């Protein structure tokens, strides 16, 4: 599956031309998986044990941390370019709700 192949990319060197995976995380209720990548992030639904259904894909900035709030449309994002900036976005509307800047690199949300 795509996710299984992507998880293997975690160990690939930075010079590899394939799309590396920076971050994988389950939502708090384990209904979805958020995947941060070099070219953005993807959200997958875990409604079925056999199939990962892609719910959303955002292309653009490198994403080092992405977390979805339960099964809602809210995601917290930390990009690689600005590792001290946390953005909260509504992915279905494509809007940024707020952002916060911190004095140190964000390690977890």
PDB file of N, CA and C in Angstrom:
ATOM      1  N   UNK A   1       0.826  -1.184   0.000  1.00  0.00           N
ATOM      2  CA  UNK A   1       0.000   0.000   0.000  1.00  0.00           C
ATOM      3  C   UNK A   1       0.870   1.247   0.000  1.00  0.00           C
ATOM      4  N   UNK A   2       0.263   2.391  -0.303  1.00  0.00           N
ATOM      5  CA  UNK A   2       1.004   3.647  -0.379  1.00  0.00           C
ATOM      6  C   UNK A   2       1.646   3.994   0.953  1.00  0.00           C
ATOM      7  N   UNK A   3       0.873   3.864   2.050  1.00  0.00           N
ATOM      8  CA  UNK A   3       1.405   4.247   3.358  1.00  0.00           C
ATOM      9  C   UNK A   3       2.572   3.367   3.749  1.00  0.00           C
ATOM     10  N   UNK A   4       2.455   2.070   3.513  1.00  0.00           N
ATOM     11  CA  UNK A   4       3.538   1.149   3.851  1.00  0.00           C
ATOM     12  C   UNK A   4       4.796   1.536   3.075  1.00  0.00           C
ATOM     13  N   UNK A   5       4.662   1.828   1.793  1.00  0.00           N
ATOM     14  CA  UNK A   5       5.816   2.237   0.981  1.00  0.00           C
ATOM     15  C   UNK A   5       6.382   3.548   1.482  1.00  0.00           C
ATOM     16  N   UNK A   6       5.526   4.473   1.896  1.00  0.00           N
ATOM     17  CA  UNK A   6       5.994   5.772   2.377  1.00  0.00           C
ATOM     18  C   UNK A   6       6.735   5.648   3.690  1.00  0.00           C
ATOM     19  N   UNK A   7       6.276   4.776   4.572  1.00  0.00           N
ATOM     20  CA  UNK A   7       6.948   4.604   5.865  1.00  0.00           C
ATOM     21  C   UNK A   7       8.363   4.106   5.649  1.00  0.00           C
ATOM     22  N   UNK A   8       8.564   3.272   4.646  1.00  0.00           N
ATOM     23  CA  UNK A   8       9.910   2.805   4.350  1.00  0.00           C
ATOM     24  C   UNK A   8      10.803   3.965   3.931  1.00  0.00           C
ATOM     25  N   UNK A   9      10.244   5.015   3.384  1.00  0.00           N
ATOM     26  CA  UNK A   9      11.024   6.162   2.941  1.00  0.00           C
ATOM     27  C   UNK A   9      11.592   6.964   4.110  1.00  0.00           C
ATOM     28  N   UNK A  10      11.139   6.727   5.330  1.00  0.00           N
ATOM     29  CA  UNK A  10      11.660   7.468   6.488  1.00  0.00           C
ATOM     30  C   UNK A  10      13.170   7.295   6.624  1.00  0.00           C
ATOM     31  N   UNK A  11      13.665   6.129   6.266  1.00  0.00           N
ATOM     32  CA  UNK A  11      15.080   5.838   6.453  1.00  0.00           C
ATOM     33  C   UNK A  11      15.936   6.211   5.246  1.00  0.00           C
ATOM     34  N   UNK A  12      15.349   6.732   4.200  1.00  0.00           N
ATOM     35  CA  UNK A  12      16.107   7.044   2.992  1.00  0.00           C
ATOM     36  C   UNK A  12      16.938   8.300   3.181  1.00  0.00           C
ATOM     37  N   UNK A  13      18.110   8.342   2.551  1.00  0.00           N
ATOM     38  CA  UNK A  13      18.959   9.532   2.673  1.00  0.00           C
ATOM     39  C   UNK A  13      18.305  10.751   2.041  1.00  0.00           C
ATOM     40  N   UNK A  14      18.742  11.937   2.487  1.00  0.00           N
ATOM     41  CA  UNK A  14      18.146  13.188   2.006  1.00  0.00           C
ATOM     42  C   UNK A  14      18.332  13.400   0.519  1.00  0.00           C
ATOM     43  N   UNK A  15      19.341  12.810  -0.091  1.00  0.00           N
ATOM     44  CA  UNK A  15      19.589  12.997  -1.505  1.00  0.00           C
ATOM     45  C   UNK A  15      18.697  12.139  -2.389  1.00  0.00           C
ATOM     46  N   UNK A  16      17.899  11.271  -1.814  1.00  0.00           N
ATOM     47  CA  UNK A  16      17.035  10.391  -2.597  1.00  0.00           C
ATOM     48  C   UNK A  16      15.990  11.215  -3.333  1.00  0.00           C
ATOM     49  N   UNK A  17      15.712  10.858  -4.591  1.00  0.00           N
ATOM     50  CA  UNK A  17      14.769  11.623  -5.401  1.00  0.00           C
ATOM     51  C   UNK A  17      13.316  11.289  -5.090  1.00  0.00           C
ATOM     52  N   UNK A  18      13.060  10.181  -4.419  1.00  0.00           N
ATOM     53  CA  UNK A  18      11.684   9.846  -4.065  1.00  0.00           C
ATOM     54  C   UNK A  18      11.191  10.775  -2.962  1.00  0.00           C
ATOM     55  N   UNK A  19       9.887  10.883  -2.834  1.00  0.00           N
ATOM     56  CA  UNK A  19       9.292  11.809  -1.877  1.00  0.00           C
ATOM     57  C   UNK A  19       9.442  11.267  -0.454  1.00  0.00           C
ATOM     58  N   UNK A  20      10.308  11.878   0.374  1.00  0.00           N
ATOM     59  CA  UNK A  20      10.482  11.372   1.731  1.00  0.00           C
ATOM     60  C   UNK A  20       9.323  11.778   2.633  1.00  0.00           C
ATOM     61  N   UNK A  21       9.170  10.991   3.625  1.00  0.00           N
ATOM     62  CA  UNK A  21       8.127  11.177   4.616  1.00  0.00           C
ATOM     63  C   UNK A  21       8.775  11.761   5.860  1.00  0.00           C
ATOM     64  N   UNK A  22       8.249  12.881   6.366  1.00  0.00           N
ATOM     65  CA  UNK A  22       8.811  13.509   7.553  1.00  0.00           C
ATOM     66  C   UNK A  22       8.086  13.115   8.831  1.00  0.00           C
ATOM     67  N   UNK A  23       6.785  12.804   8.719  1.00  0.00           N
ATOM     68  CA  UNK A  23       5.984  12.656   9.923  1.00  0.00           C
ATOM     69  C   UNK A  23       4.745  11.801   9.647  1.00  0.00           C
ATOM     70  N   UNK A  24       4.423  10.906  10.573  1.00  0.00           N
ATOM     71  CA  UNK A  24       3.190  10.114  10.515  1.00  0.00           C
ATOM     72  C   UNK A  24       2.571  10.146  11.898  1.00  0.00           C
ATOM     73  N   UNK A  25       1.254  10.405  11.961  1.00  0.00           N
ATOM     74  CA  UNK A  25       0.599  10.508  13.256  1.00  0.00           C
ATOM     75  C   UNK A  25      -0.860  10.108  13.144  1.00  0.00           C
ATOM     76  N   UNK A  26      -1.368   9.422  14.155  1.00  0.00           N
ATOM     77  CA  UNK A  26      -2.790   9.092  14.242  1.00  0.00           C
ATOM     78  C   UNK A  26      -3.531  10.240  14.923  1.00  0.00           C
ATOM     79  N   UNK A  27      -4.793  10.448  14.529  1.00  0.00           N
ATOM     80  CA  UNK A  27      -5.624  11.427  15.236  1.00  0.00           C
ATOM     81  C   UNK A  27      -5.922  10.884  16.637  1.00  0.00           C
ATOM     82  N   UNK A  28      -6.427  11.744  17.524  1.00  0.00           N
ATOM     83  CA  UNK A  28      -6.667  11.336  18.914  1.00  0.00           C
ATOM     84  C   UNK A  28      -7.630  10.164  19.028  1.00  0.00           C
ATOM     85  N   UNK A  29      -8.613  10.073  18.131  1.00  0.00           N
ATOM     86  CA  UNK A  29      -9.578   8.967  18.185  1.00  0.00           C
ATOM     87  C   UNK A  29      -9.224   7.826  17.238  1.00  0.00           C
ATOM     88  N   UNK A  30      -8.024   7.886  16.650  1.00  0.00           N
ATOM     89  CA  UNK A  30      -7.504   6.848  15.749  1.00  0.00           C
ATOM     90  C   UNK A  30      -8.400   6.582  14.539  1.00  0.00           C
ATOM     91  N   UNK A  31      -9.097   7.603  14.067  1.00  0.00           N
ATOM     92  CA  UNK A  31      -9.939   7.439  12.874  1.00  0.00           C
ATOM     93  C   UNK A  31      -9.218   7.891  11.611  1.00  0.00           C
ATOM     94  N   UNK A  32      -8.045   8.524  11.769  1.00  0.00           N
ATOM     95  CA  UNK A  32      -7.312   8.970  10.589  1.00  0.00           C
ATOM     96  C   UNK A  32      -5.813   9.017  10.858  1.00  0.00           C
ATOM     97  N   UNK A  33      -5.065   9.080   9.759  1.00  0.00           N
ATOM     98  CA  UNK A  33      -3.610   9.190   9.815  1.00  0.00           C
ATOM     99  C   UNK A  33      -3.215  10.449   9.060  1.00  0.00           C
ATOM    100  N   UNK A  34      -2.337  11.247   9.647  1.00  0.00           N
ATOM    101  CA  UNK A  34      -1.792  12.437   9.000  1.00  0.00           C
ATOM    102  C   UNK A  34      -0.350  12.150   8.621  1.00  0.00           C
ATOM    103  N   UNK A  35       0.018  12.496   7.383  1.00  0.00           N
ATOM    104  CA  UNK A  35       1.350  12.218   6.871  1.00  0.00           C
ATOM    105  C   UNK A  35       1.973  13.519   6.374  1.00  0.00           C
ATOM    106  N   UNK A  36       3.073  13.941   6.993  1.00  0.00           N
ATOM    107  CA  UNK A  36       3.802  15.137   6.562  1.00  0.00           C
ATOM    108  C   UNK A  36       4.918  14.744   5.620  1.00  0.00           C
ATOM    109  N   UNK A  37       5.028  15.457   4.490  1.00  0.00           N
ATOM    110  CA  UNK A  37       5.994  15.101   3.453  1.00  0.00           C
ATOM    111  C   UNK A  37       6.760  16.317   2.954  1.00  0.00           C
ATOM    112  N   UNK A  38       7.707  16.045   2.087  1.00  0.00           N
ATOM    113  CA  UNK A  38       8.481  17.116   1.474  1.00  0.00           C
ATOM    114  C   UNK A  38       7.587  18.053   0.669  1.00  0.00           C
ATOM    115  N   UNK A  39       6.520  17.537   0.086  1.00  0.00           N
ATOM    116  CA  UNK A  39       5.684  18.359  -0.794  1.00  0.00           C
ATOM    117  C   UNK A  39       4.330  18.712  -0.178  1.00  0.00           C
ATOM    118  N   UNK A  40       4.188  18.648   1.128  1.00  0.00           N
ATOM    119  CA  UNK A  40       2.924  18.997   1.770  1.00  0.00           C
ATOM    120  C   UNK A  40       2.501  17.950   2.784  1.00  0.00           C
ATOM    121  N   UNK A  41       1.196  17.677   2.830  1.00  0.00           N
ATOM    122  CA  UNK A  41       0.706  16.644   3.741  1.00  0.00           C
ATOM    123  C   UNK A  41      -0.516  15.966   3.150  1.00  0.00           C
ATOM    124  N   UNK A  42      -0.806  14.775   3.690  1.00  0.00           N
ATOM    125  CA  UNK A  42      -1.969  14.004   3.269  1.00  0.00           C
ATOM    126  C   UNK A  42      -2.679  13.494   4.513  1.00  0.00           C
ATOM    127  N   UNK A  43      -4.000  13.390   4.419  1.00  0.00           N
ATOM    128  CA  UNK A  43      -4.819  12.821   5.487  1.00  0.00           C
ATOM    129  C   UNK A  43      -5.510  11.590   4.943  1.00  0.00           C
ATOM    130  N   UNK A  44      -5.458  10.503   5.701  1.00  0.00           N
ATOM    131  CA  UNK A  44      -6.080   9.246   5.314  1.00  0.00           C
ATOM    132  C   UNK A  44      -7.096   8.829   6.363  1.00  0.00           C
ATOM    133  N   UNK A  45      -8.232   8.287   5.925  1.00  0.00           N
ATOM    134  CA  UNK A  45      -9.255   7.768   6.821  1.00  0.00           C
ATOM    135  C   UNK A  45      -8.948   6.312   7.145  1.00  0.00           C
ATOM    136  N   UNK A  46      -9.220   5.919   8.386  1.00  0.00           N
ATOM    137  CA  UNK A  46      -9.016   4.532   8.809  1.00  0.00           C
ATOM    138  C   UNK A  46     -10.350   3.837   9.071  1.00  0.00           C
ATOM    139  N   UNK A  47     -11.383   4.199   8.331  1.00  0.00           N
ATOM    140  CA  UNK A  47     -12.706   3.593   8.530  1.00  0.00           C
ATOM    141  C   UNK A  47     -12.711   2.111   8.182  1.00  0.00           C
ATOM    142  N   UNK A  48     -11.868   1.710   7.261  1.00  0.00           N
ATOM    143  CA  UNK A  48     -11.777   0.311   6.859  1.00  0.00           C
ATOM    144  C   UNK A  48     -10.389  -0.206   7.205  1.00  0.00           C
ATOM    145  N   UNK A  49     -10.316  -1.437   7.708  1.00  0.00           N
ATOM    146  CA  UNK A  49      -9.028  -2.017   8.071  1.00  0.00           C
ATOM    147  C   UNK A  49      -8.230  -2.424   6.833  1.00  0.00           C
ATOM    148  N   UNK A  50      -8.900  -2.621   5.718  1.00  0.00           N
ATOM    149  CA  UNK A  50      -8.238  -3.097   4.508  1.00  0.00           C
ATOM    150  C   UNK A  50      -7.733  -1.982   3.597  1.00  0.00           C
ATOM    151  N   UNK A  51      -8.394  -0.826   3.644  1.00  0.00           N
ATOM    152  CA  UNK A  51      -8.093   0.227   2.679  1.00  0.00           C
ATOM    153  C   UNK A  51      -7.877   1.562   3.385  1.00  0.00           C
ATOM    154  N   UNK A  52      -6.799   2.247   3.002  1.00  0.00           N
ATOM    155  CA  UNK A  52      -6.593   3.618   3.463  1.00  0.00           C
ATOM    156  C   UNK A  52      -7.223   4.535   2.426  1.00  0.00           C
ATOM    157  N   UNK A  53      -8.196   5.316   2.848  1.00  0.00           N
ATOM    158  CA  UNK A  53      -8.871   6.236   1.935  1.00  0.00           C
ATOM    159  C   UNK A  53      -8.271   7.622   2.114  1.00  0.00           C
ATOM    160  N   UNK A  54      -7.735   8.180   1.023  1.00  0.00           N
ATOM    161  CA  UNK A  54      -7.176   9.526   1.107  1.00  0.00           C
ATOM    162  C   UNK A  54      -8.318  10.522   1.234  1.00  0.00           C
ATOM    163  N   UNK A  55      -8.307  11.299   2.319  1.00  0.00           N
ATOM    164  CA  UNK A  55      -9.345  12.282   2.604  1.00  0.00           C
ATOM    165  C   UNK A  55      -8.960  13.640   2.028  1.00  0.00           C
ATOM    166  N   UNK A  56      -7.665  13.972   2.115  1.00  0.00           N
ATOM    167  CA  UNK A  56      -7.225  15.300   1.697  1.00  0.00           C
ATOM    168  C   UNK A  56      -5.743  15.265   1.361  1.00  0.00           C
ATOM    169  N   UNK A  57      -5.355  16.104   0.420  1.00  0.00           N
ATOM    170  CA  UNK A  57      -3.945  16.248   0.067  1.00  0.00           C
ATOM    171  C   UNK A  57      -3.644  17.724  -0.168  1.00  0.00           C
ATOM    172  N   UNK A  58      -2.598  18.213   0.486  1.00  0.00           N
ATOM    173  CA  UNK A  58      -2.154  19.593   0.314  1.00  0.00           C
ATOM    174  C   UNK A  58      -0.733  19.564  -0.223  1.00  0.00           C
ATOM    175  N   UNK A  59      -0.495  20.213  -1.336  1.00  0.00           N
ATOM    176  CA  UNK A  59       0.838  20.302  -1.907  1.00  0.00           C
ATOM    177  C   UNK A  59       1.390  21.692  -1.702  1.00  0.00           C
ATOM    178  N   UNK A  60       2.644  21.766  -1.470  1.00  0.00           N
ATOM    179  CA  UNK A  60       3.257  23.080  -1.270  1.00  0.00           C
ATOM    180  C   UNK A  60       4.474  22.979  -0.394  1.00  0.00           C
ATOM    181  N   UNK A  61       4.404  23.580   0.764  1.00  0.00           N
ATOM    182  CA  UNK A  61       5.551  23.645   1.663  1.00  0.00           C
ATOM    183  C   UNK A  61       5.878  22.290   2.280  1.00  0.00           C
ATOM    184  N   UNK A  62       7.144  22.137   2.684  1.00  0.00           N
ATOM    185  CA  UNK A  62       7.569  20.947   3.415  1.00  0.00           C
ATOM    186  C   UNK A  62       6.905  20.967   4.778  1.00  0.00           C
ATOM    187  N   UNK A  63       6.330  19.835   5.194  1.00  0.00           N
ATOM    188  CA  UNK A  63       5.623  19.761   6.475  1.00  0.00           C
ATOM    189  C   UNK A  63       6.347  18.791   7.388  1.00  0.00           C
ATOM    190  N   UNK A  64       6.839  19.300   8.512  1.00  0.00           N
ATOM    191  CA  UNK A  64       7.562  18.441   9.453  1.00  0.00           C
ATOM    192  C   UNK A  64       6.641  17.839  10.499  1.00  0.00           C
ATOM    193  N   UNK A  65       5.535  18.526  10.856  1.00  0.00           N
ATOM    194  CA  UNK A  65       4.551  17.986  11.799  1.00  0.00           C
ATOM    195  C   UNK A  65       3.162  18.355  11.297  1.00  0.00           C
ATOM    196  N   UNK A  66       2.254  17.386  11.283  1.00  0.00           N
ATOM    197  CA  UNK A  66       0.847  17.656  10.963  1.00  0.00           C
ATOM    198  C   UNK A  66       0.003  16.774  11.864  1.00  0.00           C
ATOM    199  N   UNK A  67      -0.985  17.361  12.513  1.00  0.00           N
ATOM    200  CA  UNK A  67      -1.886  16.614  13.388  1.00  0.00           C
ATOM    201  C   UNK A  67      -3.313  17.038  13.113  1.00  0.00           C
ATOM    202  N   UNK A  68      -4.186  16.053  12.987  1.00  0.00           N
ATOM    203  CA  UNK A  68      -5.608  16.324  12.780  1.00  0.00           C
ATOM    204  C   UNK A  68      -6.328  16.222  14.120  1.00  0.00           C
ATOM    205  N   UNK A  69      -7.222  17.145  14.386  1.00  0.00           N
ATOM    206  CA  UNK A  69      -8.003  17.126  15.618  1.00  0.00           C
ATOM    207  C   UNK A  69      -9.166  16.161  15.450  1.00  0.00           C
ATOM    208  N   UNK A  70      -9.065  15.012  16.090  1.00  0.00           N
ATOM    209  CA  UNK A  70     -10.079  13.961  16.003  1.00  0.00           C
ATOM    210  C   UNK A  70     -10.460  13.733  14.544  1.00  0.00           C
ATOM    211  N   UNK A  71     -11.745  13.721  14.198  1.00  0.00           N
ATOM    212  CA  UNK A  71     -12.185  13.541  12.811  1.00  0.00           C
ATOM    213  C   UNK A  71     -12.680  14.866  12.233  1.00  0.00           C
ATOM    214  N   UNK A  72     -12.245  15.977  12.836  1.00  0.00           N
ATOM    215  CA  UNK A  72     -12.708  17.294  12.400  1.00  0.00           C
ATOM    216  C   UNK A  72     -11.936  17.758  11.163  1.00  0.00           C
ATOM    217  N   UNK A  73     -12.203  18.963  10.752  1.00  0.00           N
ATOM    218  CA  UNK A  73     -11.513  19.568   9.609  1.00  0.00           C
ATOM    219  C   UNK A  73     -10.344  20.437  10.043  1.00  0.00           C
ATOM    220  N   UNK A  74     -10.000  20.387  11.319  1.00  0.00           N
ATOM    221  CA  UNK A  74      -8.905  21.207  11.842  1.00  0.00           C
ATOM    222  C   UNK A  74      -7.597  20.422  11.867  1.00  0.00           C
ATOM    223  N   UNK A  75      -6.530  21.064  11.370  1.00  0.00           N
ATOM    224  CA  UNK A  75      -5.206  20.460  11.420  1.00  0.00           C
ATOM    225  C   UNK A  75      -4.215  21.477  11.970  1.00  0.00           C
ATOM    226  N   UNK A  76      -3.261  20.976  12.728  1.00  0.00           N
ATOM    227  CA  UNK A  76      -2.146  21.783  13.222  1.00  0.00           C
ATOM    228  C   UNK A  76      -0.936  21.428  12.370  1.00  0.00           C
ATOM    229  N   UNK A  77      -0.241  22.442  11.861  1.00  0.00           N
ATOM    230  CA  UNK A  77       0.850  22.225  10.914  1.00  0.00           C
ATOM    231  C   UNK A  77       2.081  22.998  11.353  1.00  0.00           C
ATOM    232  N   UNK A  78       3.234  22.326  11.276  1.00  0.00           N
ATOM    233  CA  UNK A  78       4.532  22.974  11.475  1.00  0.00           C
ATOM    234  C   UNK A  78       5.350  22.664  10.231  1.00  0.00           C
ATOM    235  N   UNK A  79       5.776  23.692   9.534  1.00  0.00           N
ATOM    236  CA  UNK A  79       6.551  23.515   8.316  1.00  0.00           C
ATOM    237  C   UNK A  79       8.035  23.408   8.588  1.00  0.00           C
ATOM    238  N   UNK A  80       8.766  22.876   7.627  1.00  0.00           N
ATOM    239  CA  UNK A  80      10.223  22.766   7.759  1.00  0.00           C
ATOM    240  C   UNK A  80      10.908  24.119   7.636  1.00  0.00           C
ATOM    241  N   UNK A  81      10.352  24.992   6.820  1.00  0.00           N
ATOM    242  CA  UNK A  81      10.952  26.302   6.606  1.00  0.00           C
ATOM    243  C   UNK A  81      10.874  27.183   7.852  1.00  0.00           C
ATOM    244  N   UNK A  82       9.765  27.080   8.603  1.00  0.00           N
ATOM    245  CA  UNK A  82       9.564  27.841   9.841  1.00  0.00           C
ATOM    246  C   UNK A  82       9.225  26.881  10.979  1.00  0.00           C
ATOM    247  N   UNK A  83      10.224  26.203  11.545  1.00  0.00           N
ATOM    248  CA  UNK A  83       9.973  25.163  12.558  1.00  0.00           C
ATOM    249  C   UNK A  83       9.504  25.691  13.918  1.00  0.00           C
ATOM    250  N   UNK A  84       9.447  27.020  14.067  1.00  0.00           N
ATOM    251  CA  UNK A  84       8.959  27.606  15.329  1.00  0.00           C
ATOM    252  C   UNK A  84       7.565  28.200  15.165  1.00  0.00           C
ATOM    253  N   UNK A  85       6.950  27.991  14.003  1.00  0.00           N
ATOM    254  CA  UNK A  85       5.624  28.548  13.722  1.00  0.00           C
ATOM    255  C   UNK A  85       4.599  27.423  13.612  1.00  0.00           C
ATOM    256  N   UNK A  86       3.547  27.527  14.413  1.00  0.00           N
ATOM    257  CA  UNK A  86       2.446  26.563  14.405  1.00  0.00           C
ATOM    258  C   UNK A  86       1.245  27.212  13.738  1.00  0.00           C
ATOM    259  N   UNK A  87       0.699  26.545  12.723  1.00  0.00           N
ATOM    260  CA  UNK A  87      -0.503  27.046  12.045  1.00  0.00           C
ATOM    261  C   UNK A  87      -1.663  26.101  12.333  1.00  0.00           C
ATOM    262  N   UNK A  88      -2.820  26.665  12.612  1.00  0.00           N
ATOM    263  CA  UNK A  88      -4.047  25.876  12.747  1.00  0.00           C
ATOM    264  C   UNK A  88      -4.911  26.223  11.541  1.00  0.00           C
ATOM    265  N   UNK A  89      -5.267  25.208  10.760  1.00  0.00           N
ATOM    266  CA  UNK A  89      -5.990  25.416   9.506  1.00  0.00           C
ATOM    267  C   UNK A  89      -7.260  24.583   9.446  1.00  0.00           C
ATOM    268  N   UNK A  90      -8.211  25.056   8.657  1.00  0.00           N
ATOM    269  CA  UNK A  90      -9.423  24.310   8.325  1.00  0.00           C
ATOM    270  C   UNK A  90      -9.180  23.768   6.923  1.00  0.00           C
ATOM    271  N   UNK A  91      -8.854  22.472   6.817  1.00  0.00           N
ATOM    272  CA  UNK A  91      -8.409  21.963   5.524  1.00  0.00           C
ATOM    273  C   UNK A  91      -9.525  21.900   4.489  1.00  0.00           C
ATOM    274  N   UNK A  92     -10.775  21.706   4.890  1.00  0.00           N
ATOM    275  CA  UNK A  92     -11.861  21.645   3.908  1.00  0.00           C
ATOM    276  C   UNK A  92     -12.144  23.008   3.282  1.00  0.00           C
ATOM    277  N   UNK A  93     -12.014  24.067   4.078  1.00  0.00           N
ATOM    278  CA  UNK A  93     -12.226  25.418   3.562  1.00  0.00           C
ATOM    279  C   UNK A  93     -10.952  26.016   2.966  1.00  0.00           C
ATOM    280  N   UNK A  94      -9.810  25.400   3.272  1.00  0.00           N
ATOM    281  CA  UNK A  94      -8.540  25.922   2.784  1.00  0.00           C
ATOM    282  C   UNK A  94      -8.137  27.224   3.438  1.00  0.00           C
ATOM    283  N   UNK A  95      -8.513  27.406   4.715  1.00  0.00           N
ATOM    284  CA  UNK A  95      -8.210  28.653   5.411  1.00  0.00           C
ATOM    285  C   UNK A  95      -7.310  28.420   6.621  1.00  0.00           C
ATOM    286  N   UNK A  96      -6.496  29.421   6.897  1.00  0.00           N
ATOM    287  CA  UNK A  96      -5.685  29.409   8.109  1.00  0.00           C
ATOM    288  C   UNK A  96      -6.475  30.126   9.190  1.00  0.00           C
ATOM    289  N   UNK A  97      -6.697  29.463  10.306  1.00  0.00           N
ATOM    290  CA  UNK A  97      -7.483  30.031  11.402  1.00  0.00           C
ATOM    291  C   UNK A  97      -6.613  30.929  12.272  1.00  0.00           C
ATOM    292  N   UNK A  98      -5.429  30.445  12.608  1.00  0.00           N
ATOM    293  CA  UNK A  98      -4.508  31.243  13.407  1.00  0.00           C
ATOM    294  C   UNK A  98      -3.104  30.682  13.269  1.00  0.00           C
ATOM    295  N   UNK A  99      -2.126  31.445  13.737  1.00  0.00           N
ATOM    296  CA  UNK A  99      -0.758  30.935  13.795  1.00  0.00           C
ATOM    297  C   UNK A  99      -0.070  31.508  15.020  1.00  0.00           C
ATOM    298  N   UNK A 100       0.856  30.729  15.548  1.00  0.00           N
ATOM    299  CA  UNK A 100       1.596  31.110  16.741  1.00  0.00           C
ATOM    300  C   UNK A 100       3.077  30.914  16.479  1.00  0.00           C
ATOM    301  N   UNK A 101       3.895  31.827  16.949  1.00  0.00           N
ATOM    302  CA  UNK A 101       5.341  31.704  16.830  1.00  0.00           C
ATOM    303  C   UNK A 101       5.940  31.499  18.218  1.00  0.00           C
ATOM    304  N   UNK A 102       6.897  30.598  18.312  1.00  0.00           N
ATOM    305  CA  UNK A 102       7.525  30.253  19.581  1.00  0.00           C
ATOM    306  C   UNK A 102       9.030  30.502  19.495  1.00  0.00           C
ATOM    307  N   UNK A 103       9.686  30.706  20.642  1.00  0.00           N
ATOM    308  CA  UNK A 103      11.117  31.009  20.625  1.00  0.00           C
ATOM    309  C   UNK A 103      11.987  29.798  20.257  1.00  0.00           C
ATOM    310  N   UNK A 104      11.468  28.572  20.400  1.00  0.00           N
ATOM    311  CA  UNK A 104      12.231  27.365  20.108  1.00  0.00           C
ATOM    312  C   UNK A 104      11.512  26.532  19.042  1.00  0.00           C
ATOM    313  N   UNK A 105      12.243  25.605  18.456  1.00  0.00           N
ATOM    314  CA  UNK A 105      11.684  24.698  17.467  1.00  0.00           C
ATOM    315  C   UNK A 105      10.576  23.857  18.096  1.00  0.00           C
ATOM    316  N   UNK A 106       9.459  23.724  17.391  1.00  0.00           N
ATOM    317  CA  UNK A 106       8.332  22.920  17.868  1.00  0.00           C
ATOM    318  C   UNK A 106       8.658  21.453  17.624  1.00  0.00           C
ATOM    319  N   UNK A 107       8.594  20.649  18.672  1.00  0.00           N
ATOM    320  CA  UNK A 107       8.931  19.229  18.572  1.00  0.00           C
ATOM    321  C   UNK A 107       7.692  18.338  18.512  1.00  0.00           C
ATOM    322  N   UNK A 108       6.576  18.806  19.040  1.00  0.00           N
ATOM    323  CA  UNK A 108       5.330  18.029  19.037  1.00  0.00           C
ATOM    324  C   UNK A 108       4.159  18.984  19.225  1.00  0.00           C
ATOM    325  N   UNK A 109       2.987  18.531  18.788  1.00  0.00           N
ATOM    326  CA  UNK A 109       1.768  19.341  18.927  1.00  0.00           C
ATOM    327  C   UNK A 109       0.795  18.566  19.789  1.00  0.00           C
TER     328      UNK A 109
END
